Amino acid sequence: MYHSASSLSSLRQAIPLYHALLMGCLIVGTAAGIYPETQNPPGETRPNVEQQLLEQRETREDLDFWLRNMLLAHRYTWEEAARVTGLSLQETEAAARRAGIDPDTGAYPFPLKRTGVLPYPGGRHPRIGFLEGAVDPIRATKASVFLPWDPRSYVVIDLPEAIFRGKDLIFLAHTHIPTVWDQPNRRPRFLDWRRHPDGGLAGEWPLPDGVVVGATIQPAAAGVEMELWLHNGTDRMLTGLRTQVCVMLKGAEGFTEQANTNKIFEAPVAAARSQSGDRWILTAWSPCGRVWGNDQVPCIHADPVWPDCPPGATARARGRLWFYEGNGIQKEIERAKAEITRPREP
C-alpha cells in the first residue's frame, strides 16, 4: 500500500503510543490473572501501573547494583529478579553473567558483626501474612537492615508506611485503603532511595499539595539511626500529624513467629525476641505515639508523631533500630528510653 510522507510521519509518531498502551495492557492483564504464565504470586498484584514502570526503569538504569542486591544480598530466585527488572528470565540471567554475578558462589560483602543497609528491591512481598492489607507494596520507602549475627537475614523497614493528617490519610506505601490522592493524575510518584558512599540512604517524596516527606537511614553501632521529616509547602497549618513506621520480620530467621507473645511494647520502644530467647530486634522513636505489632505480618511499630507544622516549616522525628544479644533486655529497654528522649546536641 502506498503511504504519503505525512501519513508515514503520523505513523512514526503513533508507534511509541501504541507500544506504551500495549505494555500497560500486558501489566494490567498480568495483575488481573489474564496472562497466567507471568502472573504475580498472591499478594503481589500491581494496580499502580505507572509506579511499576517507574521501578522497572530505575532498576534497569542501575542494573548491576540491583542484580547484586537481589541475587547476593536478598537471595532472590531468578524468577523474582526477572519480575523486578521487567526483563525475561533469559535476559536477567545474561545481564548477571555480564556483571560477573553468580548467586551460587557469590555473597554480598556484609561481614559478620557489621550492620548492612540496602534498599529493598521489591518484587517479593515483605510480609508473611495479612497481605490483603498491603497490596501493591511500593519499594521506594522500604530498606533492609541485615542482622549482625547472620548477614543472610534482614528486617524490612517501611519508612514511612503511612502518614495521617487528622483523619485524612495523606501518604501510604502500598494500597489497602484510599488516600486523599486516589484520583486520576493525582497519585504521587515514589522515587528510589539515594544511596550515599558511607552506606546511608535518603529519600524525598513530594505530595501533590506541596508537602514533601523525607527520610534518612544511617548505619550506626549495632543498628541504624533514622530520621523522618515532613516539610509543609502549603499555605495552612498542618495538625494531627501521625505516622506508621513498620519493621517487618519475615526475612529475619528466628523472628518469624506470627505472634505478639514474643514482643515487648513499652513506649517509645518496641522489641521482638528470637525463638532462641537471647536475641532481640528493637526500635524506638521520639516523639513517639503508639507502640504495637501485627502478629500476622509479623511486625513491630514505635510510630512517631509530629507537632503541628506551620507553613514553610519542617517537622522532624528521630528513631533507631538496633540489635541486642543477652538476657538483660529490660535494662536495655530502660537505657534506650532515656537515650531516645534525650535532646540531640546541635
C-alpha atoms as a PDB file:
ATOM      1  CA  MET A   1       0.000   0.000   0.000  1.00  0.00           C
ATOM      2  CA  TYR A   2       1.214   3.496  -0.839  1.00  0.00           C
ATOM      3  CA  HIS A   3       1.710   5.947   2.070  1.00  0.00           C
ATOM      4  CA  SER A   4       2.324   9.666   1.728  1.00  0.00           C
ATOM      5  CA  ALA A   5       5.149  11.365   3.631  1.00  0.00           C
ATOM      6  CA  SER A   6       2.644  12.934   6.008  1.00  0.00           C
ATOM      7  CA  SER A   7       0.953   9.601   6.755  1.00  0.00           C
ATOM      8  CA  LEU A   8       4.319   7.926   7.398  1.00  0.00           C
ATOM      9  CA  SER A   9       5.229  10.737   9.785  1.00  0.00           C
ATOM     10  CA  SER A  10       1.954  10.267  11.666  1.00  0.00           C
ATOM     11  CA  LEU A  11       2.576   6.532  11.846  1.00  0.00           C
ATOM     12  CA  ARG A  12       6.066   7.039  13.299  1.00  0.00           C
ATOM     13  CA  GLN A  13       4.613   9.361  15.948  1.00  0.00           C
ATOM     14  CA  ALA A  14       1.901   6.848  16.853  1.00  0.00           C
ATOM     15  CA  ILE A  15       4.171   3.811  17.276  1.00  0.00           C
ATOM     16  CA  PRO A  16       5.523   4.810  20.746  1.00  0.00           C
ATOM     17  CA  LEU A  17       1.972   5.464  21.944  1.00  0.00           C
ATOM     18  CA  TYR A  18       0.778   2.055  20.723  1.00  0.00           C
ATOM     19  CA  HIS A  19       3.771   0.421  22.426  1.00  0.00           C
ATOM     20  CA  ALA A  20       3.032   2.165  25.729  1.00  0.00           C
ATOM     21  CA  LEU A  21      -0.622   1.175  25.558  1.00  0.00           C
ATOM     22  CA  LEU A  22       0.314  -2.427  24.805  1.00  0.00           C
ATOM     23  CA  MET A  23       2.754  -2.551  27.754  1.00  0.00           C
ATOM     24  CA  GLY A  24       0.111  -1.091  30.046  1.00  0.00           C
ATOM     25  CA  CYS A  25      -2.428  -3.691  28.907  1.00  0.00           C
ATOM     26  CA  LEU A  26       0.059  -6.500  29.493  1.00  0.00           C
ATOM     27  CA  ILE A  27       0.850  -5.308  33.015  1.00  0.00           C
ATOM     28  CA  VAL A  28      -2.804  -4.830  33.939  1.00  0.00           C
ATOM     29  CA  GLY A  29      -3.641  -8.183  32.391  1.00  0.00           C
ATOM     30  CA  THR A  30      -0.927  -9.875  34.422  1.00  0.00           C
ATOM     31  CA  ALA A  31      -2.198  -8.317  37.665  1.00  0.00           C
ATOM     32  CA  ALA A  32      -5.709  -9.473  36.800  1.00  0.00           C
ATOM     33  CA  GLY A  33      -4.574 -13.012  36.054  1.00  0.00           C
ATOM     34  CA  ILE A  34      -5.356 -12.813  32.332  1.00  0.00           C
ATOM     35  CA  TYR A  35      -1.842 -13.975  31.452  1.00  0.00           C
ATOM     36  CA  PRO A  36      -1.252 -16.841  33.937  1.00  0.00           C
ATOM     37  CA  GLU A  37       2.252 -17.656  32.653  1.00  0.00           C
ATOM     38  CA  THR A  38       3.512 -14.335  34.082  1.00  0.00           C
ATOM     39  CA  GLN A  39       1.009 -13.865  36.887  1.00  0.00           C
ATOM     40  CA  ASN A  40       2.381 -12.445  40.127  1.00  0.00           C
ATOM     41  CA  PRO A  41       2.058 -14.656  43.213  1.00  0.00           C
ATOM     42  CA  PRO A  42      -0.624 -13.919  45.859  1.00  0.00           C
ATOM     43  CA  GLY A  43      -0.135 -10.521  47.476  1.00  0.00           C
ATOM     44  CA  GLU A  44       1.948  -9.250  44.546  1.00  0.00           C
ATOM     45  CA  THR A  45      -0.779  -7.558  42.482  1.00  0.00           C
ATOM     46  CA  ARG A  46       0.253  -4.278  40.876  1.00  0.00           C
ATOM     47  CA  PRO A  47      -2.696  -1.977  40.164  1.00  0.00           C
ATOM     48  CA  ASN A  48      -0.410   1.098  40.072  1.00  0.00           C
ATOM     49  CA  VAL A  49       0.963   0.588  36.570  1.00  0.00           C
ATOM     50  CA  GLU A  50       2.833   3.911  36.495  1.00  0.00           C
ATOM     51  CA  GLN A  51       4.726   3.060  39.690  1.00  0.00           C
ATOM     52  CA  GLN A  52       5.687  -0.383  38.394  1.00  0.00           C
ATOM     53  CA  LEU A  53       7.049   1.077  35.164  1.00  0.00           C
ATOM     54  CA  LEU A  54       8.981   3.680  37.170  1.00  0.00           C
ATOM     55  CA  GLU A  55      10.528   0.980  39.390  1.00  0.00           C
ATOM     56  CA  GLN A  56      11.482  -1.143  36.379  1.00  0.00           C
ATOM     57  CA  ARG A  57      13.076   1.861  34.691  1.00  0.00           C
ATOM     58  CA  GLU A  58      15.081   2.751  37.806  1.00  0.00           C
ATOM     59  CA  THR A  59      16.175  -0.887  38.117  1.00  0.00           C
ATOM     60  CA  ARG A  60      17.450  -1.032  34.544  1.00  0.00           C
ATOM     61  CA  GLU A  61      19.294   2.274  34.879  1.00  0.00           C
ATOM     62  CA  ASP A  62      21.448   0.734  37.647  1.00  0.00           C
ATOM     63  CA  LEU A  63      21.066  -2.908  36.736  1.00  0.00           C
ATOM     64  CA  ASP A  64      24.353  -4.263  38.136  1.00  0.00           C
ATOM     65  CA  PHE A  65      23.613  -2.830  41.592  1.00  0.00           C
ATOM     66  CA  TRP A  66      20.084  -4.178  41.715  1.00  0.00           C
ATOM     67  CA  LEU A  67      21.136  -7.626  40.489  1.00  0.00           C
ATOM     68  CA  ARG A  68      23.801  -7.838  43.219  1.00  0.00           C
ATOM     69  CA  ASN A  69      21.287  -6.546  45.736  1.00  0.00           C
ATOM     70  CA  MET A  70      18.648  -9.115  44.742  1.00  0.00           C
ATOM     71  CA  LEU A  71      20.709 -12.204  43.933  1.00  0.00           C
ATOM     72  CA  LEU A  72      23.502 -11.938  46.515  1.00  0.00           C
ATOM     73  CA  ALA A  73      22.148  -9.974  49.485  1.00  0.00           C
ATOM     74  CA  HIS A  74      18.440 -10.863  49.403  1.00  0.00           C
ATOM     75  CA  ARG A  75      18.964 -14.263  47.708  1.00  0.00           C
ATOM     76  CA  TYR A  76      16.200 -13.776  45.173  1.00  0.00           C
ATOM     77  CA  THR A  77      15.354 -16.512  42.724  1.00  0.00           C
ATOM     78  CA  TRP A  78      15.885 -15.785  39.049  1.00  0.00           C
ATOM     79  CA  GLU A  79      12.120 -15.539  38.656  1.00  0.00           C
ATOM     80  CA  GLU A  80      11.870 -12.914  41.397  1.00  0.00           C
ATOM     81  CA  ALA A  81      14.741 -10.918  39.922  1.00  0.00           C
ATOM     82  CA  ALA A  82      13.173 -11.008  36.451  1.00  0.00           C
ATOM     83  CA  ARG A  83       9.898  -9.719  37.874  1.00  0.00           C
ATOM     84  CA  VAL A  84      11.707  -6.697  39.331  1.00  0.00           C
ATOM     85  CA  THR A  85      13.715  -5.904  36.193  1.00  0.00           C
ATOM     86  CA  GLY A  86      10.810  -6.407  33.807  1.00  0.00           C
ATOM     87  CA  LEU A  87      13.170  -8.444  31.606  1.00  0.00           C
ATOM     88  CA  SER A  88      12.708 -12.048  30.587  1.00  0.00           C
ATOM     89  CA  LEU A  89      14.299 -14.778  32.657  1.00  0.00           C
ATOM     90  CA  GLN A  90      16.946 -15.318  29.979  1.00  0.00           C
ATOM     91  CA  GLU A  91      17.729 -11.589  29.715  1.00  0.00           C
ATOM     92  CA  THR A  92      18.073 -11.318  33.509  1.00  0.00           C
ATOM     93  CA  GLU A  93      20.450 -14.294  33.674  1.00  0.00           C
ATOM     94  CA  ALA A  94      22.519 -12.906  30.794  1.00  0.00           C
ATOM     95  CA  ALA A  95      22.794  -9.493  32.490  1.00  0.00           C
ATOM     96  CA  ALA A  96      24.027 -11.175  35.685  1.00  0.00           C
ATOM     97  CA  ARG A  97      26.655 -13.141  33.743  1.00  0.00           C
ATOM     98  CA  ARG A  98      27.919  -9.961  32.082  1.00  0.00           C
ATOM     99  CA  ALA A  99      28.269  -8.369  35.538  1.00  0.00           C
ATOM    100  CA  GLY A 100      30.103 -11.412  36.923  1.00  0.00           C
ATOM    101  CA  ILE A 101      27.335 -12.176  39.413  1.00  0.00           C
ATOM    102  CA  ASP A 102      26.982 -15.848  40.414  1.00  0.00           C
ATOM    103  CA  PRO A 103      24.432 -16.379  43.213  1.00  0.00           C
ATOM    104  CA  ASP A 104      25.720 -19.941  43.744  1.00  0.00           C
ATOM    105  CA  THR A 105      29.220 -18.829  44.719  1.00  0.00           C
ATOM    106  CA  GLY A 106      28.988 -15.110  45.483  1.00  0.00           C
ATOM    107  CA  ALA A 107      27.944 -13.300  48.636  1.00  0.00           C
ATOM    108  CA  TYR A 108      27.207  -9.662  49.335  1.00  0.00           C
ATOM    109  CA  PRO A 109      30.074  -8.119  51.335  1.00  0.00           C
ATOM    110  CA  PHE A 110      28.399  -7.784  54.726  1.00  0.00           C
ATOM    111  CA  PRO A 111      30.942  -9.045  57.273  1.00  0.00           C
ATOM    112  CA  LEU A 112      29.677 -10.578  60.488  1.00  0.00           C
ATOM    113  CA  LYS A 113      29.177  -8.145  63.375  1.00  0.00           C
ATOM    114  CA  ARG A 114      28.529  -5.288  60.956  1.00  0.00           C
ATOM    115  CA  THR A 115      25.114  -3.919  60.151  1.00  0.00           C
ATOM    116  CA  GLY A 116      24.445  -3.658  56.437  1.00  0.00           C
ATOM    117  CA  VAL A 117      21.728  -1.479  54.907  1.00  0.00           C
ATOM    118  CA  LEU A 118      20.321  -1.749  51.391  1.00  0.00           C
ATOM    119  CA  PRO A 119      17.243  -0.535  49.531  1.00  0.00           C
ATOM    120  CA  TYR A 120      14.640  -3.307  49.469  1.00  0.00           C
ATOM    121  CA  PRO A 121      14.311  -4.475  45.824  1.00  0.00           C
ATOM    122  CA  GLY A 122      10.556  -5.160  45.759  1.00  0.00           C
ATOM    123  CA  GLY A 123       9.065  -7.997  43.737  1.00  0.00           C
ATOM    124  CA  ARG A 124       8.889 -10.196  46.860  1.00  0.00           C
ATOM    125  CA  HIS A 125       6.272  -9.305  49.437  1.00  0.00           C
ATOM    126  CA  PRO A 126       7.944  -8.261  52.704  1.00  0.00           C
ATOM    127  CA  ARG A 127       5.121  -9.737  54.796  1.00  0.00           C
ATOM    128  CA  ILE A 128       4.265 -13.334  55.691  1.00  0.00           C
ATOM    129  CA  GLY A 129       0.572 -12.684  56.310  1.00  0.00           C
ATOM    130  CA  PHE A 130      -2.124 -10.013  56.167  1.00  0.00           C
ATOM    131  CA  LEU A 131      -1.198  -9.464  52.515  1.00  0.00           C
ATOM    132  CA  GLU A 132      -4.633  -8.071  51.792  1.00  0.00           C
ATOM    133  CA  GLY A 133      -3.638  -5.123  53.996  1.00  0.00           C
ATOM    134  CA  ALA A 134      -0.632  -4.281  51.811  1.00  0.00           C
ATOM    135  CA  VAL A 135      -1.490  -4.756  48.157  1.00  0.00           C
ATOM    136  CA  ASP A 136       0.978  -3.392  45.591  1.00  0.00           C
ATOM    137  CA  PRO A 137       3.784  -2.510  48.038  1.00  0.00           C
ATOM    138  CA  ILE A 138       5.949   0.377  46.825  1.00  0.00           C
ATOM    139  CA  ARG A 139       9.655  -0.337  47.201  1.00  0.00           C
ATOM    140  CA  ALA A 140      10.901   3.274  47.396  1.00  0.00           C
ATOM    141  CA  THR A 141      10.174   3.677  51.132  1.00  0.00           C
ATOM    142  CA  LYS A 142      11.490   0.250  52.148  1.00  0.00           C
ATOM    143  CA  ALA A 143      15.017  -0.559  53.326  1.00  0.00           C
ATOM    144  CA  SER A 144      16.586  -3.800  54.501  1.00  0.00           C
ATOM    145  CA  VAL A 145      18.742  -3.867  57.630  1.00  0.00           C
ATOM    146  CA  PHE A 146      20.800  -7.057  57.863  1.00  0.00           C
ATOM    147  CA  LEU A 147      21.290  -8.848  61.165  1.00  0.00           C
ATOM    148  CA  PRO A 148      24.861  -8.568  62.518  1.00  0.00           C
ATOM    149  CA  TRP A 149      24.978 -12.208  63.620  1.00  0.00           C
ATOM    150  CA  ASP A 150      23.517 -13.549  60.368  1.00  0.00           C
ATOM    151  CA  PRO A 151      24.081 -11.464  57.199  1.00  0.00           C
ATOM    152  CA  ARG A 152      21.643 -13.744  55.306  1.00  0.00           C
ATOM    153  CA  SER A 153      18.787 -12.408  57.474  1.00  0.00           C
ATOM    154  CA  TYR A 154      17.256  -8.949  57.426  1.00  0.00           C
ATOM    155  CA  VAL A 155      14.316  -6.855  58.549  1.00  0.00           C
ATOM    156  CA  VAL A 156      12.488  -4.526  56.176  1.00  0.00           C
ATOM    157  CA  ILE A 157      11.714  -1.032  57.467  1.00  0.00           C
ATOM    158  CA  ASP A 158       8.868   0.818  55.768  1.00  0.00           C
ATOM    159  CA  LEU A 159       9.906   4.421  56.403  1.00  0.00           C
ATOM    160  CA  PRO A 160       7.202   5.615  56.352  1.00  0.00           C
ATOM    161  CA  GLU A 161       4.386   3.152  55.789  1.00  0.00           C
ATOM    162  CA  ALA A 162       1.645   5.726  56.333  1.00  0.00           C
ATOM    163  CA  ILE A 163       1.063   9.360  57.334  1.00  0.00           C
ATOM    164  CA  PHE A 164      -2.182  10.788  58.683  1.00  0.00           C
ATOM    165  CA  ARG A 165      -3.227  14.428  58.945  1.00  0.00           C
ATOM    166  CA  GLY A 166      -6.106  14.286  61.376  1.00  0.00           C
ATOM    167  CA  LYS A 167      -8.494  11.763  59.861  1.00  0.00           C
ATOM    168  CA  ASP A 168      -7.033  12.132  56.354  1.00  0.00           C
ATOM    169  CA  LEU A 169      -4.581   9.539  55.030  1.00  0.00           C
ATOM    170  CA  ILE A 170      -2.100  11.588  53.001  1.00  0.00           C
ATOM    171  CA  PHE A 171       0.660   9.009  52.408  1.00  0.00           C
ATOM    172  CA  LEU A 172       0.579   5.228  52.001  1.00  0.00           C
ATOM    173  CA  ALA A 173       3.392   2.971  50.787  1.00  0.00           C
ATOM    174  CA  HIS A 174       1.028   0.325  49.418  1.00  0.00           C
ATOM    175  CA  THR A 175      -2.638   0.107  48.502  1.00  0.00           C
ATOM    176  CA  HIS A 176      -5.150  -1.046  51.083  1.00  0.00           C
ATOM    177  CA  ILE A 177      -7.435   1.887  51.807  1.00  0.00           C
ATOM    178  CA  PRO A 178      -7.687   5.031  49.654  1.00  0.00           C
ATOM    179  CA  THR A 179      -5.602   8.118  50.359  1.00  0.00           C
ATOM    180  CA  VAL A 180      -6.722  11.667  49.604  1.00  0.00           C
ATOM    181  CA  TRP A 181      -4.731  11.419  46.336  1.00  0.00           C
ATOM    182  CA  ASP A 182      -6.552   8.415  44.836  1.00  0.00           C
ATOM    183  CA  GLN A 183      -7.835  10.381  41.867  1.00  0.00           C
ATOM    184  CA  PRO A 184      -6.748  10.391  38.203  1.00  0.00           C
ATOM    185  CA  ASN A 185      -3.357  12.079  37.700  1.00  0.00           C
ATOM    186  CA  ARG A 186      -3.030  12.816  41.440  1.00  0.00           C
ATOM    187  CA  ARG A 187      -1.065   9.818  42.676  1.00  0.00           C
ATOM    188  CA  PRO A 188       2.421  10.732  43.946  1.00  0.00           C
ATOM    189  CA  ARG A 189       5.475   9.246  42.206  1.00  0.00           C
ATOM    190  CA  PHE A 190       7.784   7.436  44.598  1.00  0.00           C
ATOM    191  CA  LEU A 191      11.435   7.596  43.518  1.00  0.00           C
ATOM    192  CA  ASP A 192      14.024   5.171  44.910  1.00  0.00           C
ATOM    193  CA  TRP A 193      16.350   5.939  47.811  1.00  0.00           C
ATOM    194  CA  ARG A 194      19.514   7.903  47.103  1.00  0.00           C
ATOM    195  CA  ARG A 195      22.500   5.814  48.175  1.00  0.00           C
ATOM    196  CA  HIS A 196      25.402   7.503  49.974  1.00  0.00           C
ATOM    197  CA  PRO A 197      29.036   6.300  49.872  1.00  0.00           C
ATOM    198  CA  ASP A 198      29.017   5.631  53.635  1.00  0.00           C
ATOM    199  CA  GLY A 199      26.134   3.156  53.277  1.00  0.00           C
ATOM    200  CA  GLY A 200      23.359   5.553  54.269  1.00  0.00           C
ATOM    201  CA  LEU A 201      20.094   6.103  52.399  1.00  0.00           C
ATOM    202  CA  ALA A 202      17.988   9.225  51.860  1.00  0.00           C
ATOM    203  CA  GLY A 203      14.629   9.704  50.179  1.00  0.00           C
ATOM    204  CA  GLU A 204      12.222  12.533  49.384  1.00  0.00           C
ATOM    205  CA  TRP A 205       8.648  12.095  48.153  1.00  0.00           C
ATOM    206  CA  PRO A 206       6.651  15.210  47.157  1.00  0.00           C
ATOM    207  CA  LEU A 207       2.867  15.155  47.524  1.00  0.00           C
ATOM    208  CA  PRO A 208       0.534  16.991  45.132  1.00  0.00           C
ATOM    209  CA  ASP A 209      -0.331  19.788  47.599  1.00  0.00           C
ATOM    210  CA  GLY A 210       3.261  20.947  48.209  1.00  0.00           C
ATOM    211  CA  VAL A 211       4.000  18.783  51.252  1.00  0.00           C
ATOM    212  CA  VAL A 212       7.293  16.864  50.981  1.00  0.00           C
ATOM    213  CA  VAL A 213       8.011  13.743  53.032  1.00  0.00           C
ATOM    214  CA  GLY A 214      11.596  12.638  53.569  1.00  0.00           C
ATOM    215  CA  ALA A 215      13.615  10.046  55.460  1.00  0.00           C
ATOM    216  CA  THR A 216      17.209   9.040  56.141  1.00  0.00           C
ATOM    217  CA  ILE A 217      18.741   5.783  57.363  1.00  0.00           C
ATOM    218  CA  GLN A 218      22.324   5.776  58.579  1.00  0.00           C
ATOM    219  CA  PRO A 219      24.371   2.726  59.695  1.00  0.00           C
ATOM    220  CA  ALA A 220      25.488   3.057  63.308  1.00  0.00           C
ATOM    221  CA  ALA A 221      26.844   0.920  66.133  1.00  0.00           C
ATOM    222  CA  ALA A 222      24.711  -2.240  66.423  1.00  0.00           C
ATOM    223  CA  GLY A 223      21.992  -0.895  64.112  1.00  0.00           C
ATOM    224  CA  VAL A 224      20.805   2.190  62.233  1.00  0.00           C
ATOM    225  CA  GLU A 225      19.855   5.765  63.066  1.00  0.00           C
ATOM    226  CA  MET A 226      16.799   7.158  61.274  1.00  0.00           C
ATOM    227  CA  GLU A 227      15.067  10.466  60.697  1.00  0.00           C
ATOM    228  CA  LEU A 228      11.604  11.081  59.282  1.00  0.00           C
ATOM    229  CA  TRP A 229      10.621  14.598  58.281  1.00  0.00           C
ATOM    230  CA  LEU A 230       7.767  16.491  56.693  1.00  0.00           C
ATOM    231  CA  HIS A 231       8.090  19.912  55.048  1.00  0.00           C
ATOM    232  CA  ASN A 232       4.927  21.997  54.899  1.00  0.00           C
ATOM    233  CA  GLY A 233       4.903  23.659  51.489  1.00  0.00           C
ATOM    234  CA  THR A 234       1.232  24.629  51.782  1.00  0.00           C
ATOM    235  CA  ASP A 235      -0.288  27.904  53.000  1.00  0.00           C
ATOM    236  CA  ARG A 236      -2.058  26.346  56.002  1.00  0.00           C
ATOM    237  CA  MET A 237      -1.159  24.874  59.374  1.00  0.00           C
ATOM    238  CA  LEU A 238      -0.870  21.073  59.372  1.00  0.00           C
ATOM    239  CA  THR A 239      -2.247  19.456  62.520  1.00  0.00           C
ATOM    240  CA  GLY A 240      -2.821  15.943  63.834  1.00  0.00           C
ATOM    241  CA  LEU A 241       0.303  14.573  62.124  1.00  0.00           C
ATOM    242  CA  ARG A 242       0.970  10.922  62.952  1.00  0.00           C
ATOM    243  CA  THR A 243       2.744   8.139  61.128  1.00  0.00           C
ATOM    244  CA  GLN A 244       3.286   4.412  60.885  1.00  0.00           C
ATOM    245  CA  VAL A 245       6.827   3.024  60.560  1.00  0.00           C
ATOM    246  CA  CYS A 246       6.666  -0.735  60.113  1.00  0.00           C
ATOM    247  CA  VAL A 247       9.545  -3.117  60.906  1.00  0.00           C
ATOM    248  CA  MET A 248       8.727  -6.387  59.113  1.00  0.00           C
ATOM    249  CA  LEU A 249      10.353  -9.597  60.354  1.00  0.00           C
ATOM    250  CA  LYS A 250       9.712 -12.049  57.507  1.00  0.00           C
ATOM    251  CA  GLY A 251      13.361 -12.103  56.389  1.00  0.00           C
ATOM    252  CA  ALA A 252      14.839 -12.412  59.909  1.00  0.00           C
ATOM    253  CA  GLU A 253      15.489 -16.044  60.736  1.00  0.00           C
ATOM    254  CA  GLY A 254      14.321 -16.891  64.249  1.00  0.00           C
ATOM    255  CA  PHE A 255      11.899 -13.932  64.418  1.00  0.00           C
ATOM    256  CA  THR A 256       9.133 -15.074  62.068  1.00  0.00           C
ATOM    257  CA  GLU A 257       6.665 -16.421  64.641  1.00  0.00           C
ATOM    258  CA  GLN A 258       3.242 -14.958  63.906  1.00  0.00           C
ATOM    259  CA  ALA A 259       2.529 -13.885  67.469  1.00  0.00           C
ATOM    260  CA  ASN A 260       2.880 -10.932  69.825  1.00  0.00           C
ATOM    261  CA  THR A 261       3.725 -13.033  72.884  1.00  0.00           C
ATOM    262  CA  ASN A 262       7.416 -12.789  71.897  1.00  0.00           C
ATOM    263  CA  LYS A 263       7.330  -8.990  71.828  1.00  0.00           C
ATOM    264  CA  ILE A 264       7.597  -6.129  74.319  1.00  0.00           C
ATOM    265  CA  PHE A 265       5.809  -2.810  73.777  1.00  0.00           C
ATOM    266  CA  GLU A 266       6.920  -0.084  76.198  1.00  0.00           C
ATOM    267  CA  ALA A 267       6.689   3.369  74.627  1.00  0.00           C
ATOM    268  CA  PRO A 268       8.811   4.601  72.946  1.00  0.00           C
ATOM    269  CA  VAL A 269      10.382   1.129  72.446  1.00  0.00           C
ATOM    270  CA  ALA A 270       9.106  -1.965  70.646  1.00  0.00           C
ATOM    271  CA  ALA A 271      11.128  -5.197  70.769  1.00  0.00           C
ATOM    272  CA  ALA A 272      10.887  -8.678  69.253  1.00  0.00           C
ATOM    273  CA  ARG A 273      12.535 -11.776  70.800  1.00  0.00           C
ATOM    274  CA  SER A 274      14.076 -14.594  68.793  1.00  0.00           C
ATOM    275  CA  GLN A 275      12.963 -18.184  69.193  1.00  0.00           C
ATOM    276  CA  SER A 276      16.265 -18.897  70.963  1.00  0.00           C
ATOM    277  CA  GLY A 277      15.283 -16.292  73.572  1.00  0.00           C
ATOM    278  CA  ASP A 278      18.584 -14.406  73.799  1.00  0.00           C
ATOM    279  CA  ARG A 279      18.490 -12.193  70.709  1.00  0.00           C
ATOM    280  CA  TRP A 280      16.350  -9.125  70.177  1.00  0.00           C
ATOM    281  CA  ILE A 281      15.410  -6.647  67.461  1.00  0.00           C
ATOM    282  CA  LEU A 282      14.403  -3.253  68.876  1.00  0.00           C
ATOM    283  CA  THR A 283      13.137   0.043  67.519  1.00  0.00           C
ATOM    284  CA  ALA A 284      12.382   3.366  69.182  1.00  0.00           C
ATOM    285  CA  TRP A 285      11.230   6.818  68.031  1.00  0.00           C
ATOM    286  CA  SER A 286      10.947  10.296  69.505  1.00  0.00           C
ATOM    287  CA  PRO A 287       8.434  11.865  69.617  1.00  0.00           C
ATOM    288  CA  CYS A 288       6.521   8.571  69.756  1.00  0.00           C
ATOM    289  CA  GLY A 289       2.805   7.908  69.591  1.00  0.00           C
ATOM    290  CA  ARG A 290       1.670   4.297  69.564  1.00  0.00           C
ATOM    291  CA  VAL A 291       3.813   1.171  70.060  1.00  0.00           C
ATOM    292  CA  TRP A 292       2.294  -2.057  68.791  1.00  0.00           C
ATOM    293  CA  GLY A 293       2.678  -5.048  66.500  1.00  0.00           C
ATOM    294  CA  ASN A 294       0.662  -7.043  63.996  1.00  0.00           C
ATOM    295  CA  ASP A 295       1.073 -10.744  64.777  1.00  0.00           C
ATOM    296  CA  GLN A 296       0.121 -11.881  61.279  1.00  0.00           C
ATOM    297  CA  VAL A 297       2.627  -9.734  59.362  1.00  0.00           C
ATOM    298  CA  PRO A 298       4.635 -10.141  61.760  1.00  0.00           C
ATOM    299  CA  CYS A 299       5.978  -6.662  62.589  1.00  0.00           C
ATOM    300  CA  ILE A 300       6.752  -4.178  65.327  1.00  0.00           C
ATOM    301  CA  HIS A 301       5.962  -0.460  65.457  1.00  0.00           C
ATOM    302  CA  ALA A 302       7.082   2.528  67.528  1.00  0.00           C
ATOM    303  CA  ASP A 303       5.238   5.072  65.416  1.00  0.00           C
ATOM    304  CA  PRO A 304       6.492   8.670  65.501  1.00  0.00           C
ATOM    305  CA  VAL A 305       4.256  11.732  65.684  1.00  0.00           C
ATOM    306  CA  TRP A 306       4.978  15.339  64.748  1.00  0.00           C
ATOM    307  CA  PRO A 307       3.879  18.597  66.385  1.00  0.00           C
ATOM    308  CA  ASP A 308       1.669  20.973  64.441  1.00  0.00           C
ATOM    309  CA  CYS A 309       3.622  22.276  61.466  1.00  0.00           C
ATOM    310  CA  PRO A 310       3.104  25.857  60.172  1.00  0.00           C
ATOM    311  CA  PRO A 311       3.552  26.859  56.511  1.00  0.00           C
ATOM    312  CA  GLY A 312       7.187  26.784  55.420  1.00  0.00           C
ATOM    313  CA  ALA A 313       8.317  24.771  58.451  1.00  0.00           C
ATOM    314  CA  THR A 314       9.729  21.236  58.699  1.00  0.00           C
ATOM    315  CA  ALA A 315       8.689  18.741  61.382  1.00  0.00           C
ATOM    316  CA  ARG A 316      11.177  16.023  62.345  1.00  0.00           C
ATOM    317  CA  ALA A 317      11.293  12.799  64.332  1.00  0.00           C
ATOM    318  CA  ARG A 318      14.319  10.616  65.030  1.00  0.00           C
ATOM    319  CA  GLY A 319      14.467   6.887  65.524  1.00  0.00           C
ATOM    320  CA  ARG A 320      16.700   3.890  65.945  1.00  0.00           C
ATOM    321  CA  LEU A 321      16.649   0.229  65.034  1.00  0.00           C
ATOM    322  CA  TRP A 322      19.211  -1.970  66.716  1.00  0.00           C
ATOM    323  CA  PHE A 323      20.078  -5.498  67.814  1.00  0.00           C
ATOM    324  CA  TYR A 324      20.776  -6.933  71.256  1.00  0.00           C
ATOM    325  CA  GLU A 325      22.197 -10.251  72.433  1.00  0.00           C
ATOM    326  CA  GLY A 326      21.898 -11.305  76.060  1.00  0.00           C
ATOM    327  CA  ASN A 327      19.470 -11.737  78.949  1.00  0.00           C
ATOM    328  CA  GLY A 328      19.265  -8.155  80.227  1.00  0.00           C
ATOM    329  CA  ILE A 329      16.571  -6.943  77.848  1.00  0.00           C
ATOM    330  CA  GLN A 330      14.670  -4.869  80.408  1.00  0.00           C
ATOM    331  CA  LYS A 331      17.796  -2.931  81.309  1.00  0.00           C
ATOM    332  CA  GLU A 332      18.476  -2.413  77.577  1.00  0.00           C
ATOM    333  CA  ILE A 333      14.956  -1.054  77.086  1.00  0.00           C
ATOM    334  CA  GLU A 334      15.309   1.371  80.001  1.00  0.00           C
ATOM    335  CA  ARG A 335      18.636   2.573  78.618  1.00  0.00           C
ATOM    336  CA  ALA A 336      17.050   3.106  75.197  1.00  0.00           C
ATOM    337  CA  LYS A 337      14.123   5.062  76.671  1.00  0.00           C
ATOM    338  CA  ALA A 338      16.493   7.533  78.277  1.00  0.00           C
ATOM    339  CA  GLU A 339      18.682   7.843  75.200  1.00  0.00           C
ATOM    340  CA  ILE A 340      15.987   8.314  72.563  1.00  0.00           C
ATOM    341  CA  THR A 341      14.213  11.043  74.538  1.00  0.00           C
ATOM    342  CA  ARG A 342      17.442  12.938  75.342  1.00  0.00           C
ATOM    343  CA  PRO A 343      17.666  16.197  73.326  1.00  0.00           C
ATOM    344  CA  ARG A 344      20.061  15.897  70.420  1.00  0.00           C
ATOM    345  CA  GLU A 345      23.157  18.060  70.583  1.00  0.00           C
ATOM    346  CA  PRO A 346      23.253  20.819  67.923  1.00  0.00           C
END
